[in-house]
PDB file of N, CA and C in Angstrom:
ATOM      1  N   MET A   1      81.586 122.920 103.528  1.00  0.00           N
ATOM      2  CA  MET A   1      82.172 122.310 104.773  1.00  0.00           C
ATOM      3  C   MET A   1      82.875 120.908 104.234  1.00  0.00           C
ATOM      4  N   ILE A   2      84.109 120.531 105.065  1.00  0.00           N
ATOM      5  CA  ILE A   2      84.766 119.485 104.600  1.00  0.00           C
ATOM      6  C   ILE A   2      84.636 118.495 105.839  1.00  0.00           C
ATOM      7  N   ASN A   3      84.348 117.167 105.816  1.00  0.00           N
ATOM      8  CA  ASN A   3      83.957 116.422 106.690  1.00  0.00           C
ATOM      9  C   ASN A   3      83.349 117.052 108.026  1.00  0.00           C
ATOM     10  N   GLY A   4      82.464 117.777 107.715  1.00  0.00           N
ATOM     11  CA  GLY A   4      81.496 118.359 108.634  1.00  0.00           C
ATOM     12  C   GLY A   4      82.167 119.694 109.357  1.00  0.00           C
ATOM     13  N   VAL A   5      83.335 120.405 108.836  1.00  0.00           N
ATOM     14  CA  VAL A   5      84.001 121.090 109.497  1.00  0.00           C
ATOM     15  C   VAL A   5      84.085 122.652 108.399  1.00  0.00           C
ATOM     16  N   SER A   6      83.674 123.597 108.843  1.00  0.00           N
ATOM     17  CA  SER A   6      83.520 124.845 108.012  1.00  0.00           C
ATOM     18  C   SER A   6      84.824 125.209 107.348  1.00  0.00           C
ATOM     19  N   THR A   7      84.808 125.353 106.133  1.00  0.00           N
ATOM     20  CA  THR A   7      86.059 125.759 105.289  1.00  0.00           C
ATOM     21  C   THR A   7      86.500 127.153 105.484  1.00  0.00           C
ATOM     22  N   GLY A   8      85.623 127.880 106.105  1.00  0.00           N
ATOM     23  CA  GLY A   8      85.847 129.416 106.109  1.00  0.00           C
ATOM     24  C   GLY A   8      85.497 130.348 104.811  1.00  0.00           C
ATOM     25  N   ILE A   9      85.089 129.383 103.773  1.00  0.00           N
ATOM     26  CA  ILE A   9      84.866 130.148 102.525  1.00  0.00           C
ATOM     27  C   ILE A   9      83.496 130.642 102.390  1.00  0.00           C
ATOM     28  N   GLU A  10      83.230 131.461 102.117  1.00  0.00           N
ATOM     29  CA  GLU A  10      81.828 132.204 102.151  1.00  0.00           C
ATOM     30  C   GLU A  10      81.891 133.301 100.853  1.00  0.00           C
ATOM     31  N   LEU A  11      80.920 133.256 100.260  1.00  0.00           N
ATOM     32  CA  LEU A  11      80.681 134.235  99.189  1.00  0.00           C
ATOM     33  C   LEU A  11      79.519 135.091  99.449  1.00  0.00           C
ATOM     34  N   LEU A  12      79.566 135.535 100.659  1.00  0.00           N
ATOM     35  CA  LEU A  12      78.561 136.391 101.167  1.00  0.00           C
ATOM     36  C   LEU A  12      78.753 137.930 100.669  1.00  0.00           C
ATOM     37  N   GLY A  13      77.587 138.497 100.286  1.00  0.00           N
ATOM     38  CA  GLY A  13      77.907 139.810 100.055  1.00  0.00           C
ATOM     39  C   GLY A  13      78.232 139.804  98.269  1.00  0.00           C
ATOM     40  N   VAL A  14      78.274 138.916  97.654  1.00  0.00           N
ATOM     41  CA  VAL A  14      78.711 138.851  96.379  1.00  0.00           C
ATOM     42  C   VAL A  14      77.333 138.922  95.457  1.00  0.00           C
ATOM     43  N   THR A  15      77.513 140.080  94.667  1.00  0.00           N
ATOM     44  CA  THR A  15      76.042 140.329  93.720  1.00  0.00           C
ATOM     45  C   THR A  15      76.589 139.800  92.319  1.00  0.00           C
ATOM     46  N   VAL A  16      75.681 138.787  91.862  1.00  0.00           N
ATOM     47  CA  VAL A  16      75.893 138.334  90.552  1.00  0.00           C
ATOM     48  C   VAL A  16      74.756 138.575  89.693  1.00  0.00           C
ATOM     49  N   ASN A  17      74.986 139.374  88.762  1.00  0.00           N
ATOM     50  CA  ASN A  17      73.706 139.944  87.829  1.00  0.00           C
ATOM     51  C   ASN A  17      73.207 139.060  86.837  1.00  0.00           C
ATOM     52  N   ASN A  18      74.034 137.856  86.475  1.00  0.00           N
ATOM     53  CA  ASN A  18      73.837 136.850  85.521  1.00  0.00           C
ATOM     54  C   ASN A  18      74.469 135.490  86.241  1.00  0.00           C
ATOM     55  N   PHE A  19      73.856 134.308  85.372  1.00  0.00           N
ATOM     56  CA  PHE A  19      74.223 133.024  85.677  1.00  0.00           C
ATOM     57  C   PHE A  19      75.668 132.656  84.735  1.00  0.00           C
ATOM     58  N   ASN A  20      76.288 133.492  84.276  1.00  0.00           N
ATOM     59  CA  ASN A  20      77.538 133.269  83.469  1.00  0.00           C
ATOM     60  C   ASN A  20      78.850 133.802  84.328  1.00  0.00           C
ATOM     61  N   THR A  21      78.590 134.292  85.700  1.00  0.00           N
ATOM     62  CA  THR A  21      79.903 134.719  86.530  1.00  0.00           C
ATOM     63  C   THR A  21      80.015 133.334  87.387  1.00  0.00           C
ATOM     64  N   LEU A  22      81.414 132.976  87.355  1.00  0.00           N
ATOM     65  CA  LEU A  22      81.786 131.865  88.322  1.00  0.00           C
ATOM     66  C   LEU A  22      83.000 132.418  89.342  1.00  0.00           C
ATOM     67  N   HIS A  23      82.720 131.974  90.485  1.00  0.00           N
ATOM     68  CA  HIS A  23      83.836 132.527  91.715  1.00  0.00           C
ATOM     69  C   HIS A  23      84.749 131.291  91.867  1.00  0.00           C
ATOM     70  N   ALA A  24      86.039 131.640  91.867  1.00  0.00           N
ATOM     71  CA  ALA A  24      86.994 130.571  92.222  1.00  0.00           C
ATOM     72  C   ALA A  24      87.008 130.323  93.595  1.00  0.00           C
ATOM     73  N   TRP A  25      87.261 129.066  94.161  1.00  0.00           N
ATOM     74  CA  TRP A  25      87.489 128.683  95.453  1.00  0.00           C
ATOM     75  C   TRP A  25      88.236 127.497  95.344  1.00  0.00           C
ATOM     76  N   GLN A  26      89.185 127.213  96.908  1.00  0.00           N
ATOM     77  CA  GLN A  26      90.116 126.280  96.669  1.00  0.00           C
ATOM     78  C   GLN A  26      90.065 125.543  98.102  1.00  0.00           C
ATOM     79  N   ILE A  27      90.121 124.137  98.197  1.00  0.00           N
ATOM     80  CA  ILE A  27      90.342 123.906  99.514  1.00  0.00           C
ATOM     81  C   ILE A  27      91.653 123.072  99.441  1.00  0.00           C
ATOM     82  N   SER A  28      92.587 123.177 100.498  1.00  0.00           N
ATOM     83  CA  SER A  28      93.626 122.266 100.511  1.00  0.00           C
ATOM     84  C   SER A  28      93.938 122.017 101.928  1.00  0.00           C
ATOM     85  N   THR A  29      93.233 122.152 103.036  1.00  0.00           N
ATOM     86  CA  THR A  29      93.413 121.408 104.292  1.00  0.00           C
ATOM     87  C   THR A  29      92.182 121.018 104.784  1.00  0.00           C
ATOM     88  N   GLY A  30      92.025 120.228 105.982  1.00  0.00           N
ATOM     89  CA  GLY A  30      91.031 119.428 106.371  1.00  0.00           C
ATOM     90  C   GLY A  30      90.727 118.207 105.849  1.00  0.00           C
ATOM     91  N   PHE A  31      91.343 117.707 104.956  1.00  0.00           N
ATOM     92  CA  PHE A  31      91.099 116.362 104.490  1.00  0.00           C
ATOM     93  C   PHE A  31      91.900 115.237 105.393  1.00  0.00           C
ATOM     94  N   VAL A  32      91.361 113.969 105.300  1.00  0.00           N
ATOM     95  CA  VAL A  32      91.569 113.075 106.207  1.00  0.00           C
ATOM     96  C   VAL A  32      91.883 111.835 105.280  1.00  0.00           C
ATOM     97  N   ALA A  33      92.815 110.765 105.961  1.00  0.00           N
ATOM     98  CA  ALA A  33      92.755 109.564 104.982  1.00  0.00           C
ATOM     99  C   ALA A  33      91.546 108.795 104.903  1.00  0.00           C
ATOM    100  N   GLY A  34      91.153 108.325 103.659  1.00  0.00           N
ATOM    101  CA  GLY A  34      90.300 107.570 103.244  1.00  0.00           C
ATOM    102  C   GLY A  34      89.100 108.534 102.631  1.00  0.00           C
ATOM    103  N   ILE A  35      87.970 108.297 103.028  1.00  0.00           N
ATOM    104  CA  ILE A  35      86.903 109.151 102.144  1.00  0.00           C
ATOM    105  C   ILE A  35      86.647 110.479 102.907  1.00  0.00           C
ATOM    106  N   ASN A  36      86.480 111.278 102.033  1.00  0.00           N
ATOM    107  CA  ASN A  36      86.091 112.661 102.470  1.00  0.00           C
ATOM    108  C   ASN A  36      84.846 113.489 102.119  1.00  0.00           C
ATOM    109  N   THR A  37      84.088 114.069 103.114  1.00  0.00           N
ATOM    110  CA  THR A  37      82.800 114.660 102.600  1.00  0.00           C
ATOM    111  C   THR A  37      83.004 115.948 102.480  1.00  0.00           C
ATOM    112  N   LEU A  38      82.317 116.466 101.141  1.00  0.00           N
ATOM    113  CA  LEU A  38      82.391 117.886 100.893  1.00  0.00           C
ATOM    114  C   LEU A  38      80.739 118.317 100.766  1.00  0.00           C
ATOM    115  N   ASP A  39      80.451 119.110 101.545  1.00  0.00           N
ATOM    116  CA  ASP A  39      79.073 119.653 101.715  1.00  0.00           C
ATOM    117  C   ASP A  39      78.891 121.292 101.557  1.00  0.00           C
ATOM    118  N   PHE A  40      78.146 121.498 100.730  1.00  0.00           N
ATOM    119  CA  PHE A  40      77.783 123.004 100.227  1.00  0.00           C
ATOM    120  C   PHE A  40      76.330 123.393 100.743  1.00  0.00           C
ATOM    121  N   VAL A  41      76.618 124.432 101.519  1.00  0.00           N
ATOM    122  CA  VAL A  41      75.462 125.206 102.415  1.00  0.00           C
ATOM    123  C   VAL A  41      74.989 126.188 101.443  1.00  0.00           C
ATOM    124  N   ILE A  42      73.856 126.362 101.049  1.00  0.00           N
ATOM    125  CA  ILE A  42      73.184 127.377 100.164  1.00  0.00           C
ATOM    126  C   ILE A  42      72.030 128.045 101.034  1.00  0.00           C
ATOM    127  N   ARG A  43      72.189 129.368 100.976  1.00  0.00           N
ATOM    128  CA  ARG A  43      71.134 130.214 101.994  1.00  0.00           C
ATOM    129  C   ARG A  43      70.284 130.747 100.743  1.00  0.00           C
ATOM    130  N   ASP A  44      68.966 130.558 100.961  1.00  0.00           N
ATOM    131  CA  ASP A  44      68.028 131.175 100.233  1.00  0.00           C
ATOM    132  C   ASP A  44      67.509 132.643 100.851  1.00  0.00           C
ATOM    133  N   ASP A  45      68.004 133.466 100.060  1.00  0.00           N
ATOM    134  CA  ASP A  45      67.416 134.959 100.162  1.00  0.00           C
ATOM    135  C   ASP A  45      66.494 135.436  99.615  1.00  0.00           C
ATOM    136  N   GLY A  46      65.703 134.663  98.960  1.00  0.00           N
ATOM    137  CA  GLY A  46      64.348 135.233  98.355  1.00  0.00           C
ATOM    138  C   GLY A  46      64.587 135.792  96.862  1.00  0.00           C
ATOM    139  N   VAL A  47      65.863 135.701  96.650  1.00  0.00           N
ATOM    140  CA  VAL A  47      66.111 136.152  95.135  1.00  0.00           C
ATOM    141  C   VAL A  47      66.445 134.700  94.223  1.00  0.00           C
ATOM    142  N   ILE A  48      65.785 135.014  93.154  1.00  0.00           N
ATOM    143  CA  ILE A  48      66.184 133.689  92.289  1.00  0.00           C
ATOM    144  C   ILE A  48      67.722 133.453  91.789  1.00  0.00           C
ATOM    145  N   GLY A  49      68.058 132.345  92.229  1.00  0.00           N
ATOM    146  CA  GLY A  49      69.623 132.254  92.021  1.00  0.00           C
ATOM    147  C   GLY A  49      69.953 130.788  91.561  1.00  0.00           C
ATOM    148  N   ALA A  50      71.122 130.467  91.423  1.00  0.00           N
ATOM    149  CA  ALA A  50      71.444 129.062  90.911  1.00  0.00           C
ATOM    150  C   ALA A  50      73.037 128.759  91.760  1.00  0.00           C
ATOM    151  N   PHE A  51      73.336 127.461  91.488  1.00  0.00           N
ATOM    152  CA  PHE A  51      74.471 127.014  92.312  1.00  0.00           C
ATOM    153  C   PHE A  51      75.162 125.975  91.187  1.00  0.00           C
ATOM    154  N   ARG A  52      76.436 126.037  90.827  1.00  0.00           N
ATOM    155  CA  ARG A  52      76.988 125.195  89.954  1.00  0.00           C
ATOM    156  C   ARG A  52      78.284 125.097  90.569  1.00  0.00           C
ATOM    157  N   THR A  53      79.128 123.997  90.653  1.00  0.00           N
ATOM    158  CA  THR A  53      80.271 123.585  90.909  1.00  0.00           C
ATOM    159  C   THR A  53      80.975 122.654  90.047  1.00  0.00           C
ATOM    160  N   GLU A  54      82.331 122.916  89.886  1.00  0.00           N
ATOM    161  CA  GLU A  54      83.110 122.003  89.299  1.00  0.00           C
ATOM    162  C   GLU A  54      84.026 121.592  89.984  1.00  0.00           C
ATOM    163  N   LEU A  55      84.386 120.401  90.199  1.00  0.00           N
ATOM    164  CA  LEU A  55      85.371 119.965  91.216  1.00  0.00           C
ATOM    165  C   LEU A  55      86.635 119.107  90.046  1.00  0.00           C
ATOM    166  N   SER A  56      87.858 119.475  90.695  1.00  0.00           N
ATOM    167  CA  SER A  56      88.955 118.740  90.293  1.00  0.00           C
ATOM    168  C   SER A  56      89.970 118.724  91.191  1.00  0.00           C
ATOM    169  N   GLY A  57      90.920 117.844  90.956  1.00  0.00           N
ATOM    170  CA  GLY A  57      91.817 117.768  91.745  1.00  0.00           C
ATOM    171  C   GLY A  57      92.432 116.260  91.710  1.00  0.00           C
ATOM    172  N   SER A  58      93.617 116.025  92.628  1.00  0.00           N
ATOM    173  CA  SER A  58      94.028 114.897  93.059  1.00  0.00           C
ATOM    174  C   SER A  58      94.475 114.660  94.571  1.00  0.00           C
ATOM    175  N   ALA A  59      94.830 113.393  94.717  1.00  0.00           N
ATOM    176  CA  ALA A  59      95.086 112.913  95.897  1.00  0.00           C
ATOM    177  C   ALA A  59      96.377 112.077  96.086  1.00  0.00           C
ATOM    178  N   ASP A  60      97.327 112.330  96.824  1.00  0.00           N
ATOM    179  CA  ASP A  60      98.487 111.458  96.804  1.00  0.00           C
ATOM    180  C   ASP A  60      98.354 110.499  98.009  1.00  0.00           C
ATOM    181  N   ARG A  61      98.275 109.197  97.134  1.00  0.00           N
ATOM    182  CA  ARG A  61      98.279 108.090  98.083  1.00  0.00           C
ATOM    183  C   ARG A  61      99.626 107.742  98.889  1.00  0.00           C
ATOM    184  N   ILE A  62      99.326 107.465 100.190  1.00  0.00           N
ATOM    185  CA  ILE A  62     100.568 107.157 101.030  1.00  0.00           C
ATOM    186  C   ILE A  62     100.615 105.514 100.973  1.00  0.00           C
ATOM    187  N   ALA A  63     101.813 105.318 100.652  1.00  0.00           N
ATOM    188  CA  ALA A  63     102.171 103.847 100.638  1.00  0.00           C
ATOM    189  C   ALA A  63     102.057 102.986 101.929  1.00  0.00           C
ATOM    190  N   VAL A  64     101.191 102.052 102.111  1.00  0.00           N
ATOM    191  CA  VAL A  64     101.207 101.189 103.215  1.00  0.00           C
ATOM    192  C   VAL A  64     101.491  99.831 102.859  1.00  0.00           C
ATOM    193  N   PRO A  65     102.729  99.291 103.671  1.00  0.00           N
ATOM    194  CA  PRO A  65     103.091  98.037 103.306  1.00  0.00           C
ATOM    195  C   PRO A  65     101.986  96.948 103.817  1.00  0.00           C
ATOM    196  N   GLU A  66     101.774  95.870 102.777  1.00  0.00           N
ATOM    197  CA  GLU A  66     101.037  94.952 102.928  1.00  0.00           C
ATOM    198  C   GLU A  66     101.471  94.025 104.026  1.00  0.00           C
ATOM    199  N   PRO A  67     100.444  93.341 104.727  1.00  0.00           N
ATOM    200  CA  PRO A  67     100.838  92.270 105.803  1.00  0.00           C
ATOM    201  C   PRO A  67     101.996  91.289 105.464  1.00  0.00           C
ATOM    202  N   GLY A  68     102.026  90.952 104.202  1.00  0.00           N
ATOM    203  CA  GLY A  68     102.869  89.945 103.836  1.00  0.00           C
ATOM    204  C   GLY A  68     104.105  90.480 103.649  1.00  0.00           C
ATOM    205  N   THR A  69     104.447  91.493 103.282  1.00  0.00           N
ATOM    206  CA  THR A  69     105.739  92.081 103.273  1.00  0.00           C
ATOM    207  C   THR A  69     106.214  92.443 104.753  1.00  0.00           C
ATOM    208  N   LEU A  70     105.305  92.761 105.761  1.00  0.00           N
ATOM    209  CA  LEU A  70     105.897  92.955 106.992  1.00  0.00           C
ATOM    210  C   LEU A  70     106.148  91.638 107.716  1.00  0.00           C
ATOM    211  N   ALA A  71     105.518  90.462 107.239  1.00  0.00           N
ATOM    212  CA  ALA A  71     105.762  89.438 107.764  1.00  0.00           C
ATOM    213  C   ALA A  71     107.056  88.767 107.019  1.00  0.00           C
ATOM    214  N   LEU A  72     107.336  89.152 105.897  1.00  0.00           N
ATOM    215  CA  LEU A  72     108.623  88.700 105.301  1.00  0.00           C
ATOM    216  C   LEU A  72     109.872  89.519 105.838  1.00  0.00           C
ATOM    217  N   LEU A  73     109.561  90.823 106.144  1.00  0.00           N
ATOM    218  CA  LEU A  73     110.580  91.512 106.683  1.00  0.00           C
ATOM    219  C   LEU A  73     110.893  91.069 108.295  1.00  0.00           C
ATOM    220  N   GLY A  74     109.894  90.563 109.091  1.00  0.00           N
ATOM    221  CA  GLY A  74     110.355  90.127 110.331  1.00  0.00           C
ATOM    222  C   GLY A  74     111.055  88.869 110.126  1.00  0.00           C
ATOM    223  N   LEU A  75     110.532  87.811 109.325  1.00  0.00           N
ATOM    224  CA  LEU A  75     111.242  86.576 109.115  1.00  0.00           C
ATOM    225  C   LEU A  75     112.769  87.055 108.784  1.00  0.00           C
ATOM    226  N   GLY A  76     112.951  87.645 107.897  1.00  0.00           N
ATOM    227  CA  GLY A  76     114.346  88.099 107.628  1.00  0.00           C
ATOM    228  C   GLY A  76     115.113  88.528 108.767  1.00  0.00           C
ATOM    229  N   LEU A  77     114.439  89.548 109.405  1.00  0.00           N
ATOM    230  CA  LEU A  77     115.327  89.892 110.749  1.00  0.00           C
ATOM    231  C   LEU A  77     115.656  88.856 111.823  1.00  0.00           C
ATOM    232  N   ILE A  78     114.392  87.983 111.793  1.00  0.00           N
ATOM    233  CA  ILE A  78     114.688  86.821 112.869  1.00  0.00           C
ATOM    234  C   ILE A  78     116.087  86.011 112.010  1.00  0.00           C
ATOM    235  N   GLY A  79     115.893  85.554 110.901  1.00  0.00           N
ATOM    236  CA  GLY A  79     117.022  84.752 110.397  1.00  0.00           C
ATOM    237  C   GLY A  79     118.375  85.345 110.567  1.00  0.00           C
ATOM    238  N   MET A  80     118.540  86.752 110.285  1.00  0.00           N
ATOM    239  CA  MET A  80     119.597  87.453 110.346  1.00  0.00           C
ATOM    240  C   MET A  80     120.054  87.391 111.923  1.00  0.00           C
ATOM    241  N   GLY A  81     119.433  87.491 112.872  1.00  0.00           N
ATOM    242  CA  GLY A  81     119.573  87.389 114.199  1.00  0.00           C
ATOM    243  C   GLY A  81     120.109  86.006 114.516  1.00  0.00           C
ATOM    244  N   ALA A  82     119.333  84.807 113.951  1.00  0.00           N
ATOM    245  CA  ALA A  82     119.847  83.550 114.330  1.00  0.00           C
ATOM    246  C   ALA A  82     121.178  83.354 113.726  1.00  0.00           C
ATOM    247  N   ALA A  83     121.341  83.829 112.472  1.00  0.00           N
ATOM    248  CA  ALA A  83     122.678  83.469 111.949  1.00  0.00           C
ATOM    249  C   ALA A  83     123.834  84.157 112.564  1.00  0.00           C
ATOM    250  N   ARG A  84     123.743  85.235 113.237  1.00  0.00           N
ATOM    251  CA  ARG A  84     124.640  86.174 113.883  1.00  0.00           C
ATOM    252  C   ARG A  84     124.917  85.298 115.128  1.00  0.00           C
ATOM    253  N   ARG A  85     123.888  84.982 115.765  1.00  0.00           N
ATOM    254  CA  ARG A  85     124.057  84.288 117.238  1.00  0.00           C
ATOM    255  C   ARG A  85     124.904  82.830 116.871  1.00  0.00           C
ATOM    256  N   LYS A  86     124.702  82.262 115.969  1.00  0.00           N
ATOM    257  CA  LYS A  86     125.428  81.076 115.774  1.00  0.00           C
ATOM    258  C   LYS A  86     126.875  81.214 115.378  1.00  0.00           C
ATOM    259  N   LYS A  87     127.324  82.224 114.945  1.00  0.00           N
ATOM    260  CA  LYS A  87     128.605  82.709 114.649  1.00  0.00           C
ATOM    261  C   LYS A  87     129.431  83.371 115.824  1.00  0.00           C
ATOM    262  N   ALA A  88     128.708  83.848 116.788  1.00  0.00           N
ATOM    263  CA  ALA A  88     129.241  84.229 118.125  1.00  0.00           C
ATOM    264  C   ALA A  88     129.551  83.303 119.084  1.00  0.00           C
TER     265      ALA A  88
END
């Protein structure tokens, strides 16, 4: 599950005869800005088993202007408006 919502990825019915077999899976949707939570739900069917996962990947950051940048932009626009008004 990602952020409490099922990913739809299930390995039901998979028979593993040893602990040397890995099953690949991938999640590319369901992420939100900020911190995401990934939960694994393991069912105990009475057979001795194990769980191992390796996570890797990257996230692209979205550039968000800092408040100071927005303030300077606003002052620049006001200054241009005032200069244009004086010319007219």
